[in-house]
Amino acid sequence: MGMLKNRVAMVTGAGAGIGRGIARAFAREGARVAVAEFDEASGREVADELAALGGEGLFIATDIMDLDSVRAAVAKTQAHWGGMDILVNNAYPTMKHLPAPIEQVDERRLQDSMTAGFLAVTAAMQAAFPAMQKKGYGRIVNICSLNGVNAHKHTADYNSAKEAVRAYTRTAAVEWAPHGITANIICPGAATTPFKVLSELMPEMAENLKKTSPMGYMGDPEKHIAPVAVFLASEMSTYMTGNTLFVDGGGHINGVPWSPDIE
C-alpha cells in the first residue's frame, strides 16, 4: 500500500475494462487519478469510487478522436493537482469497426484507427512531457495489443496503430531517459468488454482462445493487468524502460490464434 502515494496519474479510457482496473489499483496505492473518459456516466462513476479506495478521483471528459481534447485533458489534470507523474494511454474505441480483411479496410478506417490508437497517444505524451521534464520524473505506460505482435487476421488497422505505439514508446524511452522519464508497454490478455461481446457473438472462438493460452483463461483487468501497471508506474521500475510486458497468461509464447469467421 502507498507505492503511488501523492502521485498524479491520468488514465485514458478509465471508465471500464483495463482502464478502470488500473485507475482503481492506482487509487489503492494512494494516487490521484484523472479519469479521462468519453462516456460521462461511467467516467464519473469510476472517479467517484476512487476516494473510498484510498486515492482521489477526477473525471475529465475526453474524446481520443479529438487531439485537442486529449491535450486539454492533460492540461486539466496538471492544473487540478499541480502536475502529472504518470500517464497511462489505454483508451481505444474497439467496437467502432468490426473485423474486416485488408482489402476492405479503406482510408477512412485507417485514419480513424491511427487517430485513436496512435496520434492520441503521441498527443498525450507530448503534452505531459514538459511537466515531467521539469520535475525530473515521469512514468508512461502504454497499453498495446497481442493483435499487432502476432499479426492477427482482420484487424490490420488496429494492429498497425498499436505497433506504431510500441515503436514510438521505445523511441521516447531512449530520448526521455535522461530526464528521469520511463516509457513501457503492456500487451494484455484480459476479459474486457470487447472480449465479452466476442464471447456472445462467437462463443466457440472465444473458448478456443482461452484453451490455447497456457493458463487456460483470460485475465481479469483489475486483478491481473492493473498490478503490472502499478509496478511500471512506481519507483520500483526506475531502471526499466522501453520494455513490452506480455501480461496474457503466456498467450504470446506460441501466438494465440485470432481467426474470426467474418462475412
Protein backbone atom coordinates (compact mmCIF):
# COMPACT_ATOMS: atom_id res chain seq x y z
CA MET A 1 0.00 0.00 0.00
CA GLY A 2 1.14 3.53 -0.75
CA MET A 3 3.53 2.86 -3.66
CA LEU A 4 1.92 5.75 -5.55
CA LYS A 5 1.08 7.99 -2.60
CA ASN A 6 0.52 11.59 -3.74
CA ARG A 7 1.45 10.73 -7.32
CA VAL A 8 -0.75 12.28 -10.01
CA ALA A 9 -1.89 9.99 -12.82
CA MET A 10 -4.07 10.30 -15.88
CA VAL A 11 -5.64 7.15 -17.32
CA THR A 12 -7.45 7.35 -20.64
CA GLY A 13 -10.45 5.12 -21.12
CA ALA A 14 -10.70 4.59 -17.37
CA GLY A 15 -14.47 4.24 -17.37
CA ALA A 16 -14.39 0.49 -17.98
CA GLY A 17 -12.24 -2.58 -18.53
CA ILE A 18 -8.48 -2.34 -18.18
CA GLY A 19 -8.54 1.43 -17.69
CA ARG A 20 -10.97 1.12 -14.79
CA GLY A 21 -8.91 -1.65 -13.25
CA ILE A 22 -5.75 0.45 -13.46
CA ALA A 23 -7.46 3.54 -12.02
CA ARG A 24 -8.75 1.52 -9.06
CA ALA A 25 -5.38 -0.13 -8.47
CA PHE A 26 -3.64 3.25 -8.57
CA ALA A 27 -6.11 4.63 -6.04
CA ARG A 28 -5.40 1.74 -3.67
CA GLU A 29 -1.76 2.79 -3.78
CA GLY A 30 -2.66 6.37 -2.85
CA ALA A 31 -2.61 8.02 -6.29
CA ARG A 32 -4.65 10.94 -7.50
CA VAL A 33 -6.22 9.75 -10.71
CA ALA A 34 -7.73 11.72 -13.58
CA VAL A 35 -10.30 9.51 -15.28
CA ALA A 36 -10.05 10.67 -18.90
CA GLU A 37 -13.15 9.08 -20.38
CA PHE A 38 -15.55 9.67 -23.27
CA ASP A 39 -18.60 8.18 -21.54
CA GLU A 40 -19.58 10.62 -18.80
CA ALA A 41 -21.71 8.23 -16.76
CA SER A 42 -19.07 5.52 -16.42
CA GLY A 43 -16.26 8.07 -16.08
CA ARG A 44 -17.90 9.88 -13.19
CA GLU A 45 -18.80 6.60 -11.53
CA VAL A 46 -15.18 5.44 -11.53
CA ALA A 47 -13.86 8.83 -10.41
CA ASP A 48 -16.33 8.88 -7.53
CA GLU A 49 -15.37 5.42 -6.27
CA LEU A 50 -11.63 6.11 -6.02
CA ALA A 51 -11.73 8.06 -2.75
CA ALA A 52 -13.10 5.04 -0.90
CA LEU A 53 -10.14 3.02 -2.17
CA GLY A 54 -7.58 5.40 -0.70
CA GLY A 55 -6.91 7.79 -3.56
CA GLU A 56 -8.57 10.73 -5.27
CA GLY A 57 -10.54 10.84 -8.49
CA LEU A 58 -11.27 13.49 -11.10
CA PHE A 59 -13.45 12.93 -14.15
CA ILE A 60 -12.33 14.68 -17.34
CA ALA A 61 -14.48 14.33 -20.45
CA THR A 62 -12.06 13.20 -23.16
CA ASP A 63 -12.52 12.24 -26.80
CA ILE A 64 -9.43 10.49 -28.18
CA MET A 65 -10.69 11.13 -31.72
CA ASP A 66 -10.09 14.84 -30.98
CA LEU A 67 -6.41 15.50 -30.28
CA ASP A 68 -7.16 18.90 -28.75
CA SER A 69 -9.44 17.11 -26.27
CA VAL A 70 -6.56 14.80 -25.33
CA ARG A 71 -4.18 17.72 -24.82
CA ALA A 72 -6.81 19.54 -22.78
CA ALA A 73 -7.23 16.51 -20.52
CA VAL A 74 -3.51 16.57 -19.72
CA ALA A 75 -3.66 20.31 -19.04
CA LYS A 76 -6.69 19.95 -16.76
CA THR A 77 -5.02 17.16 -14.81
CA GLN A 78 -1.90 19.25 -14.30
CA ALA A 79 -3.89 22.35 -13.37
CA HIS A 80 -6.04 20.48 -10.84
CA TRP A 81 -3.19 18.81 -8.97
CA GLY A 82 -0.20 20.94 -9.96
CA GLY A 83 1.48 18.45 -12.24
CA MET A 84 1.45 14.90 -13.58
CA ASP A 85 3.70 11.99 -12.68
CA ILE A 86 2.05 9.09 -14.50
CA LEU A 87 0.36 8.80 -17.89
CA VAL A 88 -1.49 5.66 -18.96
CA ASN A 89 -2.70 5.58 -22.56
CA ASN A 90 -5.35 2.90 -22.63
CA ALA A 91 -8.41 4.22 -24.48
CA TYR A 92 -9.41 2.81 -27.86
CA PRO A 93 -12.90 2.59 -29.42
CA THR A 94 -12.59 -1.14 -30.05
CA MET A 95 -16.13 -1.66 -31.29
CA LYS A 96 -16.04 1.28 -33.72
CA HIS A 97 -15.13 -1.06 -36.60
CA LEU A 98 -15.88 -4.75 -36.92
CA PRO A 99 -13.16 -7.17 -38.09
CA ALA A 100 -12.55 -6.96 -41.83
CA PRO A 101 -10.00 -8.28 -44.35
CA ILE A 102 -7.29 -5.88 -45.50
CA GLU A 103 -8.88 -5.29 -48.90
CA GLN A 104 -11.94 -3.83 -47.16
CA VAL A 105 -10.00 -1.50 -44.85
CA ASP A 106 -10.44 1.87 -46.51
CA GLU A 107 -8.57 5.11 -45.90
CA ARG A 108 -11.20 6.48 -43.52
CA ARG A 109 -10.96 3.42 -41.30
CA LEU A 110 -7.18 3.61 -41.30
CA GLN A 111 -7.34 7.28 -40.33
CA ASP A 112 -9.78 6.53 -37.51
CA SER A 113 -7.59 3.78 -36.11
CA MET A 114 -4.39 5.78 -36.34
CA THR A 115 -6.02 8.81 -34.72
CA ALA A 116 -7.45 6.86 -31.80
CA GLY A 117 -4.72 4.26 -31.46
CA PHE A 118 -1.59 6.24 -32.24
CA LEU A 119 -1.98 10.00 -32.61
CA ALA A 120 -3.99 10.35 -29.39
CA VAL A 121 -1.14 8.60 -27.57
CA THR A 122 1.52 10.84 -29.09
CA ALA A 123 -0.54 13.96 -28.27
CA ALA A 124 -0.90 12.92 -24.62
CA MET A 125 2.77 12.06 -24.27
CA GLN A 126 3.96 15.30 -25.83
CA ALA A 127 1.57 17.32 -23.65
CA ALA A 128 2.74 15.53 -20.49
CA PHE A 129 6.45 15.80 -21.24
CA PRO A 130 7.24 19.41 -20.21
CA ALA A 131 5.98 18.98 -16.64
CA MET A 132 7.68 15.60 -16.29
CA GLN A 133 10.92 17.01 -17.69
CA LYS A 134 10.84 19.92 -15.26
CA LYS A 135 10.27 17.59 -12.32
CA GLY A 136 12.84 15.07 -13.49
CA TYR A 137 10.37 12.24 -13.03
CA GLY A 138 7.73 10.55 -15.15
CA ARG A 139 6.13 7.19 -15.82
CA ILE A 140 4.43 6.43 -19.12
CA VAL A 141 2.53 3.17 -19.55
CA ASN A 142 1.01 2.48 -22.96
CA ILE A 143 -1.46 -0.33 -23.47
CA CYS A 144 -0.81 -2.14 -26.74
CA SER A 145 -2.01 -5.48 -28.07
CA LEU A 146 -1.04 -9.02 -28.96
CA ASN A 147 -3.06 -8.49 -32.13
CA GLY A 148 -0.23 -6.46 -33.58
CA VAL A 149 2.56 -8.63 -32.19
CA ASN A 150 1.01 -11.82 -33.59
CA ALA A 151 -0.41 -10.15 -36.74
CA HIS A 152 -3.94 -11.39 -36.09
CA LYS A 153 -6.20 -11.52 -39.12
CA HIS A 154 -8.91 -8.97 -39.95
CA THR A 155 -7.68 -6.20 -37.64
CA ALA A 156 -4.85 -4.76 -39.75
CA ASP A 157 -5.70 -1.13 -38.96
CA TYR A 158 -5.82 -1.76 -35.21
CA ASN A 159 -2.68 -3.91 -35.33
CA SER A 160 -0.79 -1.20 -37.19
CA ALA A 161 -1.80 1.56 -34.77
CA LYS A 162 -0.78 -0.47 -31.74
CA GLU A 163 2.57 -1.45 -33.25
CA ALA A 164 3.19 2.21 -34.09
CA VAL A 165 2.67 2.99 -30.39
CA ARG A 166 5.22 0.35 -29.45
CA ALA A 167 7.83 1.88 -31.74
CA TYR A 168 7.04 5.40 -30.52
CA THR A 169 7.24 4.31 -26.87
CA ARG A 170 10.64 2.69 -27.34
CA THR A 171 11.93 5.84 -29.01
CA ALA A 172 10.55 8.00 -26.19
CA ALA A 173 12.27 5.67 -23.72
CA VAL A 174 15.61 6.43 -25.37
CA GLU A 175 15.09 10.18 -25.73
CA TRP A 176 13.47 10.85 -22.35
CA ALA A 177 15.54 8.59 -20.08
CA PRO A 178 17.97 11.43 -19.25
CA HIS A 179 15.01 13.35 -17.82
CA GLY A 180 14.04 10.60 -15.39
CA ILE A 181 11.09 9.52 -17.52
CA THR A 182 10.43 5.86 -18.27
CA ALA A 183 8.15 4.57 -21.02
CA ASN A 184 6.93 0.99 -21.12
CA ILE A 185 4.26 -1.09 -22.82
CA ILE A 186 1.76 -3.67 -21.60
CA CYS A 187 0.24 -6.14 -24.04
CA PRO A 188 -2.64 -7.62 -22.03
CA GLY A 189 -4.84 -10.65 -22.41
CA ALA A 190 -7.98 -9.78 -20.49
CA ALA A 191 -11.71 -10.39 -20.39
CA THR A 192 -12.62 -6.86 -21.38
CA THR A 193 -15.98 -5.66 -22.72
CA PRO A 194 -14.99 -6.39 -26.37
CA PHE A 195 -13.97 -9.93 -25.39
CA LYS A 196 -17.29 -10.44 -23.66
CA VAL A 197 -19.08 -9.23 -26.79
CA LEU A 198 -16.96 -11.62 -28.86
CA SER A 199 -17.86 -14.44 -26.49
CA GLU A 200 -21.54 -13.81 -27.15
CA LEU A 201 -21.13 -13.49 -30.93
CA MET A 202 -18.56 -16.27 -31.39
CA PRO A 203 -18.60 -18.48 -28.28
CA GLU A 204 -16.63 -21.30 -29.90
CA MET A 205 -13.81 -18.99 -30.94
CA ALA A 206 -13.73 -17.34 -27.51
CA GLU A 207 -13.40 -20.74 -25.84
CA ASN A 208 -10.62 -21.72 -28.23
CA LEU A 209 -8.76 -18.52 -27.40
CA LYS A 210 -8.87 -19.39 -23.72
CA LYS A 211 -7.83 -23.00 -24.29
CA THR A 212 -4.81 -22.09 -26.39
CA SER A 213 -3.47 -19.81 -23.65
CA PRO A 214 -1.11 -21.80 -21.37
CA MET A 215 -3.03 -20.73 -18.25
CA GLY A 216 -6.34 -21.57 -19.87
CA TYR A 217 -8.27 -18.42 -19.08
CA MET A 218 -8.48 -14.71 -19.87
CA GLY A 219 -7.15 -12.38 -17.21
CA ASP A 220 -9.19 -10.04 -15.06
CA PRO A 221 -8.41 -6.35 -15.81
CA GLU A 222 -8.14 -5.32 -12.17
CA LYS A 223 -6.72 -8.49 -10.65
CA HIS A 224 -4.20 -9.48 -13.31
CA ILE A 225 -3.38 -6.49 -15.54
CA ALA A 226 -3.56 -3.50 -13.18
CA PRO A 227 -0.86 -4.70 -10.72
CA VAL A 228 1.70 -4.68 -13.53
CA ALA A 229 0.69 -1.11 -14.39
CA VAL A 230 1.19 -0.19 -10.72
CA PHE A 231 4.70 -1.64 -10.85
CA LEU A 232 5.56 0.30 -14.02
CA ALA A 233 4.09 3.49 -12.54
CA SER A 234 6.06 3.17 -9.31
CA GLU A 235 9.65 3.77 -8.29
CA MET A 236 10.15 0.01 -8.28
CA SER A 237 10.59 0.15 -12.08
CA THR A 238 13.10 3.03 -12.10
CA TYR A 239 15.73 1.06 -14.03
CA MET A 240 13.31 -0.33 -16.59
CA THR A 241 12.27 1.43 -19.79
CA GLY A 242 11.41 0.66 -23.39
CA ASN A 243 10.05 -2.77 -22.49
CA THR A 244 6.99 -4.65 -23.68
CA LEU A 245 5.44 -6.76 -20.92
CA PHE A 246 3.11 -9.52 -22.05
CA VAL A 247 0.50 -9.85 -19.31
CA ASP A 248 -1.51 -12.55 -21.00
CA GLY A 249 -1.18 -15.85 -19.18
CA GLY A 250 1.54 -16.90 -21.63
CA GLY A 251 -0.57 -16.43 -24.73
CA HIS A 252 2.24 -14.69 -26.60
CA ILE A 253 4.62 -17.64 -26.38
CA ASN A 254 3.21 -19.62 -29.28
CA GLY A 255 0.82 -16.96 -30.52
CA VAL A 256 -2.83 -17.22 -29.51
CA PRO A 257 -4.83 -17.51 -32.76
CA TRP A 258 -7.36 -14.86 -33.74
CA SER A 259 -9.44 -16.05 -36.66
CA PRO A 260 -12.94 -14.58 -36.52
CA ASP A 261 -15.34 -16.04 -39.07
CA ILE A 262 -16.40 -12.92 -40.96
CA GLU A 263 -18.56 -12.38 -43.99
